[in-house]
Amino acid sequence: MTTLLTILIAINCVLLMAVVLIQNPKGGGIDSSLGGTAANQMFGAAKSSDFIEKVTWGLAAALFILCIITAMLVSGSTGGSLIQPVQ
């Protein structure tokens, strides 16, 4: 189960990096070098940036939740503590 969650976290991180890199750093919407003109014609300039922003927040929230779930599963499998006592 932990392996599956780790794979999901890795996929989520790659998608989050891609979505962040697609954004225009000046806040103008999708970068034109990555097909922004077609997206701007389809969604309109404001709608495409709103969509990308929502996807970014959704992926960030999913990453946060996946990390919390994974940490809870790992700590539960070691007896409730991540720190083992020294013997």
N, C-alpha and C. Protein backbone atom coordinates (compact mmCIF):
# COMPACT_ATOMS: atom_id res chain seq x y z
N MET A 1 0.82 -1.19 0.00
CA MET A 1 0.00 0.00 0.00
C MET A 1 0.87 1.27 0.00
N THR A 2 1.94 1.19 0.77
CA THR A 2 2.85 2.34 0.84
C THR A 2 3.52 2.58 -0.50
N THR A 3 3.83 1.49 -1.21
CA THR A 3 4.45 1.64 -2.53
C THR A 3 3.50 2.31 -3.51
N LEU A 4 2.24 1.94 -3.48
CA LEU A 4 1.24 2.56 -4.35
C LEU A 4 1.11 4.05 -4.04
N LEU A 5 1.06 4.40 -2.77
CA LEU A 5 0.95 5.81 -2.40
C LEU A 5 2.20 6.60 -2.80
N THR A 6 3.36 5.96 -2.68
CA THR A 6 4.59 6.62 -3.09
C THR A 6 4.60 6.88 -4.59
N ILE A 7 4.11 5.92 -5.37
CA ILE A 7 4.02 6.11 -6.83
C ILE A 7 3.04 7.22 -7.16
N LEU A 8 1.91 7.26 -6.47
CA LEU A 8 0.92 8.33 -6.69
C LEU A 8 1.50 9.70 -6.33
N ILE A 9 2.29 9.76 -5.27
CA ILE A 9 2.93 11.02 -4.89
C ILE A 9 3.91 11.46 -5.96
N ALA A 10 4.69 10.52 -6.50
CA ALA A 10 5.66 10.86 -7.54
C ALA A 10 4.96 11.36 -8.81
N ILE A 11 3.88 10.69 -9.22
CA ILE A 11 3.12 11.13 -10.40
C ILE A 11 2.53 12.51 -10.16
N ASN A 12 1.98 12.72 -8.97
CA ASN A 12 1.40 14.01 -8.63
C ASN A 12 2.45 15.11 -8.67
N CYS A 13 3.65 14.82 -8.17
CA CYS A 13 4.73 15.82 -8.19
C CYS A 13 5.13 16.19 -9.61
N VAL A 14 5.23 15.19 -10.49
CA VAL A 14 5.60 15.47 -11.88
C VAL A 14 4.51 16.32 -12.55
N LEU A 15 3.26 15.97 -12.33
CA LEU A 15 2.16 16.77 -12.90
C LEU A 15 2.14 18.18 -12.34
N LEU A 16 2.40 18.32 -11.05
CA LEU A 16 2.42 19.64 -10.44
C LEU A 16 3.55 20.49 -11.01
N MET A 17 4.72 19.88 -11.21
CA MET A 17 5.82 20.63 -11.82
C MET A 17 5.47 21.07 -13.24
N ALA A 18 4.84 20.18 -14.01
CA ALA A 18 4.46 20.53 -15.38
C ALA A 18 3.45 21.67 -15.40
N VAL A 19 2.46 21.62 -14.53
CA VAL A 19 1.43 22.67 -14.50
C VAL A 19 2.03 24.01 -14.07
N VAL A 20 2.95 23.98 -13.12
CA VAL A 20 3.58 25.22 -12.68
C VAL A 20 4.44 25.80 -13.79
N LEU A 21 5.14 24.95 -14.53
CA LEU A 21 5.99 25.44 -15.61
C LEU A 21 5.18 25.97 -16.79
N ILE A 22 3.95 25.50 -16.97
CA ILE A 22 3.10 25.98 -18.06
C ILE A 22 2.64 27.42 -17.79
N GLN A 23 2.50 27.76 -16.52
CA GLN A 23 1.99 29.09 -16.17
C GLN A 23 2.97 30.17 -16.61
N ASN A 24 2.41 31.28 -17.00
CA ASN A 24 3.22 32.45 -17.36
C ASN A 24 3.64 33.15 -16.08
N PRO A 25 4.94 33.43 -15.90
CA PRO A 25 5.38 34.03 -14.64
C PRO A 25 4.82 35.43 -14.39
N LYS A 26 4.35 36.10 -15.42
CA LYS A 26 3.80 37.45 -15.25
C LYS A 26 2.29 37.42 -15.00
N GLY A 27 1.71 36.24 -14.89
CA GLY A 27 0.29 36.13 -14.60
C GLY A 27 -0.60 36.33 -15.80
N GLY A 28 -0.07 36.15 -17.00
CA GLY A 28 -0.85 36.39 -18.19
C GLY A 28 -1.52 35.16 -18.77
N GLY A 29 -1.44 34.03 -18.12
CA GLY A 29 -2.09 32.84 -18.63
C GLY A 29 -1.08 31.82 -19.10
N ILE A 30 -1.52 30.95 -19.98
CA ILE A 30 -0.67 29.87 -20.47
C ILE A 30 0.42 30.44 -21.37
N ASP A 31 1.62 29.94 -21.21
CA ASP A 31 2.76 30.41 -22.00
C ASP A 31 2.54 30.06 -23.47
N SER A 32 2.82 30.98 -24.35
CA SER A 32 2.54 30.79 -25.77
C SER A 32 3.46 29.75 -26.41
N SER A 33 4.61 29.50 -25.82
CA SER A 33 5.52 28.50 -26.40
C SER A 33 5.02 27.08 -26.18
N LEU A 34 4.08 26.87 -25.30
CA LEU A 34 3.55 25.53 -25.03
C LEU A 34 2.11 25.39 -25.52
N GLY A 35 1.78 26.02 -26.61
CA GLY A 35 0.44 25.90 -27.16
C GLY A 35 -0.56 26.81 -26.53
N GLY A 36 -0.13 27.92 -26.01
CA GLY A 36 -1.03 28.84 -25.31
C GLY A 36 -2.02 29.53 -26.23
N THR A 37 -1.67 29.71 -27.49
CA THR A 37 -2.60 30.40 -28.39
C THR A 37 -3.84 29.56 -28.64
N ALA A 38 -3.68 28.26 -28.79
CA ALA A 38 -4.84 27.39 -29.00
C ALA A 38 -5.71 27.34 -27.74
N ALA A 39 -5.07 27.27 -26.58
CA ALA A 39 -5.84 27.24 -25.33
C ALA A 39 -6.54 28.57 -25.09
N ASN A 40 -5.87 29.67 -25.43
CA ASN A 40 -6.51 30.97 -25.25
C ASN A 40 -7.70 31.14 -26.18
N GLN A 41 -7.63 30.58 -27.39
CA GLN A 41 -8.76 30.67 -28.29
C GLN A 41 -9.90 29.78 -27.81
N MET A 42 -9.56 28.63 -27.24
CA MET A 42 -10.60 27.70 -26.81
C MET A 42 -11.28 28.17 -25.53
N PHE A 43 -10.50 28.56 -24.51
CA PHE A 43 -11.05 28.95 -23.23
C PHE A 43 -11.20 30.45 -23.07
N GLY A 44 -10.44 31.22 -23.81
CA GLY A 44 -10.32 32.65 -23.56
C GLY A 44 -9.16 32.87 -22.60
N ALA A 45 -8.55 34.02 -22.62
CA ALA A 45 -7.35 34.27 -21.82
C ALA A 45 -7.61 34.12 -20.33
N ALA A 46 -8.73 34.64 -19.86
CA ALA A 46 -9.01 34.58 -18.43
C ALA A 46 -9.38 33.16 -18.00
N LYS A 47 -10.15 32.46 -18.81
CA LYS A 47 -10.58 31.12 -18.43
C LYS A 47 -9.42 30.13 -18.41
N SER A 48 -8.45 30.28 -19.33
CA SER A 48 -7.33 29.33 -19.34
C SER A 48 -6.46 29.51 -18.11
N SER A 49 -6.23 30.73 -17.69
CA SER A 49 -5.43 30.94 -16.47
C SER A 49 -6.19 30.49 -15.24
N ASP A 50 -7.50 30.68 -15.20
CA ASP A 50 -8.30 30.19 -14.08
C ASP A 50 -8.26 28.67 -14.01
N PHE A 51 -8.34 28.00 -15.16
CA PHE A 51 -8.31 26.54 -15.20
C PHE A 51 -6.96 26.02 -14.71
N ILE A 52 -5.87 26.61 -15.19
CA ILE A 52 -4.54 26.18 -14.78
C ILE A 52 -4.34 26.44 -13.29
N GLU A 53 -4.85 27.55 -12.78
CA GLU A 53 -4.73 27.85 -11.35
C GLU A 53 -5.50 26.84 -10.51
N LYS A 54 -6.70 26.46 -10.96
CA LYS A 54 -7.48 25.46 -10.23
C LYS A 54 -6.80 24.10 -10.24
N VAL A 55 -6.20 23.74 -11.39
CA VAL A 55 -5.48 22.47 -11.47
C VAL A 55 -4.28 22.49 -10.53
N THR A 56 -3.59 23.62 -10.46
CA THR A 56 -2.43 23.75 -9.57
C THR A 56 -2.84 23.57 -8.12
N TRP A 57 -3.90 24.24 -7.70
CA TRP A 57 -4.36 24.12 -6.33
C TRP A 57 -4.86 22.71 -6.04
N GLY A 58 -5.54 22.09 -7.00
CA GLY A 58 -6.02 20.72 -6.81
C GLY A 58 -4.89 19.72 -6.65
N LEU A 59 -3.85 19.86 -7.49
CA LEU A 59 -2.70 18.96 -7.37
C LEU A 59 -1.94 19.20 -6.08
N ALA A 60 -1.83 20.45 -5.65
CA ALA A 60 -1.16 20.75 -4.38
C ALA A 60 -1.93 20.15 -3.20
N ALA A 61 -3.24 20.27 -3.22
CA ALA A 61 -4.06 19.69 -2.15
C ALA A 61 -3.96 18.17 -2.16
N ALA A 62 -3.98 17.57 -3.35
CA ALA A 62 -3.85 16.11 -3.45
C ALA A 62 -2.50 15.65 -2.92
N LEU A 63 -1.45 16.39 -3.22
CA LEU A 63 -0.12 16.05 -2.72
C LEU A 63 -0.08 16.11 -1.19
N PHE A 64 -0.66 17.14 -0.63
CA PHE A 64 -0.71 17.29 0.82
C PHE A 64 -1.45 16.12 1.46
N ILE A 65 -2.60 15.78 0.92
CA ILE A 65 -3.41 14.69 1.47
C ILE A 65 -2.70 13.35 1.33
N LEU A 66 -2.09 13.10 0.17
CA LEU A 66 -1.37 11.84 -0.03
C LEU A 66 -0.19 11.71 0.93
N CYS A 67 0.51 12.81 1.18
CA CYS A 67 1.64 12.77 2.11
C CYS A 67 1.17 12.49 3.54
N ILE A 68 0.07 13.10 3.94
CA ILE A 68 -0.47 12.87 5.28
C ILE A 68 -0.91 11.42 5.44
N ILE A 69 -1.61 10.88 4.44
CA ILE A 69 -2.07 9.49 4.50
C ILE A 69 -0.88 8.54 4.56
N THR A 70 0.13 8.79 3.74
CA THR A 70 1.31 7.93 3.73
C THR A 70 2.03 7.97 5.08
N ALA A 71 2.17 9.15 5.64
CA ALA A 71 2.81 9.27 6.95
C ALA A 71 2.03 8.53 8.03
N MET A 72 0.71 8.60 7.98
CA MET A 72 -0.11 7.89 8.96
C MET A 72 0.03 6.38 8.80
N LEU A 73 0.07 5.90 7.56
CA LEU A 73 0.24 4.47 7.34
C LEU A 73 1.61 3.98 7.79
N VAL A 74 2.63 4.74 7.50
CA VAL A 74 3.98 4.34 7.89
C VAL A 74 4.13 4.35 9.41
N SER A 75 3.62 5.37 10.06
CA SER A 75 3.74 5.43 11.51
C SER A 75 2.90 4.35 12.18
N GLY A 76 1.78 3.99 11.57
CA GLY A 76 0.95 2.92 12.12
C GLY A 76 1.59 1.56 12.00
N SER A 77 2.38 1.35 10.97
CA SER A 77 3.01 0.04 10.77
C SER A 77 4.24 -0.14 11.65
N THR A 78 4.79 0.94 12.22
CA THR A 78 5.97 0.82 13.08
C THR A 78 5.61 0.88 14.55
N GLY A 79 4.35 0.81 14.87
CA GLY A 79 3.96 0.81 16.27
C GLY A 79 3.59 2.17 16.81
N GLY A 80 3.33 3.14 15.94
CA GLY A 80 2.88 4.44 16.38
C GLY A 80 3.97 5.48 16.55
N SER A 81 5.22 5.11 16.37
CA SER A 81 6.30 6.06 16.53
C SER A 81 7.32 5.85 15.42
N LEU A 82 7.78 6.95 14.85
CA LEU A 82 8.80 6.86 13.82
C LEU A 82 10.19 6.72 14.42
N ILE A 83 10.34 7.07 15.69
CA ILE A 83 11.63 7.00 16.37
C ILE A 83 11.67 5.73 17.20
N GLN A 84 12.62 4.87 16.91
CA GLN A 84 12.77 3.63 17.66
C GLN A 84 13.70 3.86 18.85
N PRO A 85 13.38 3.31 20.00
CA PRO A 85 14.26 3.48 21.15
C PRO A 85 15.59 2.75 20.96
N VAL A 86 16.67 3.32 21.48
CA VAL A 86 17.99 2.72 21.40
C VAL A 86 18.13 1.70 22.51
N GLN A 87 18.63 0.51 22.16
CA GLN A 87 18.76 -0.54 23.18
C GLN A 87 20.20 -0.89 23.41
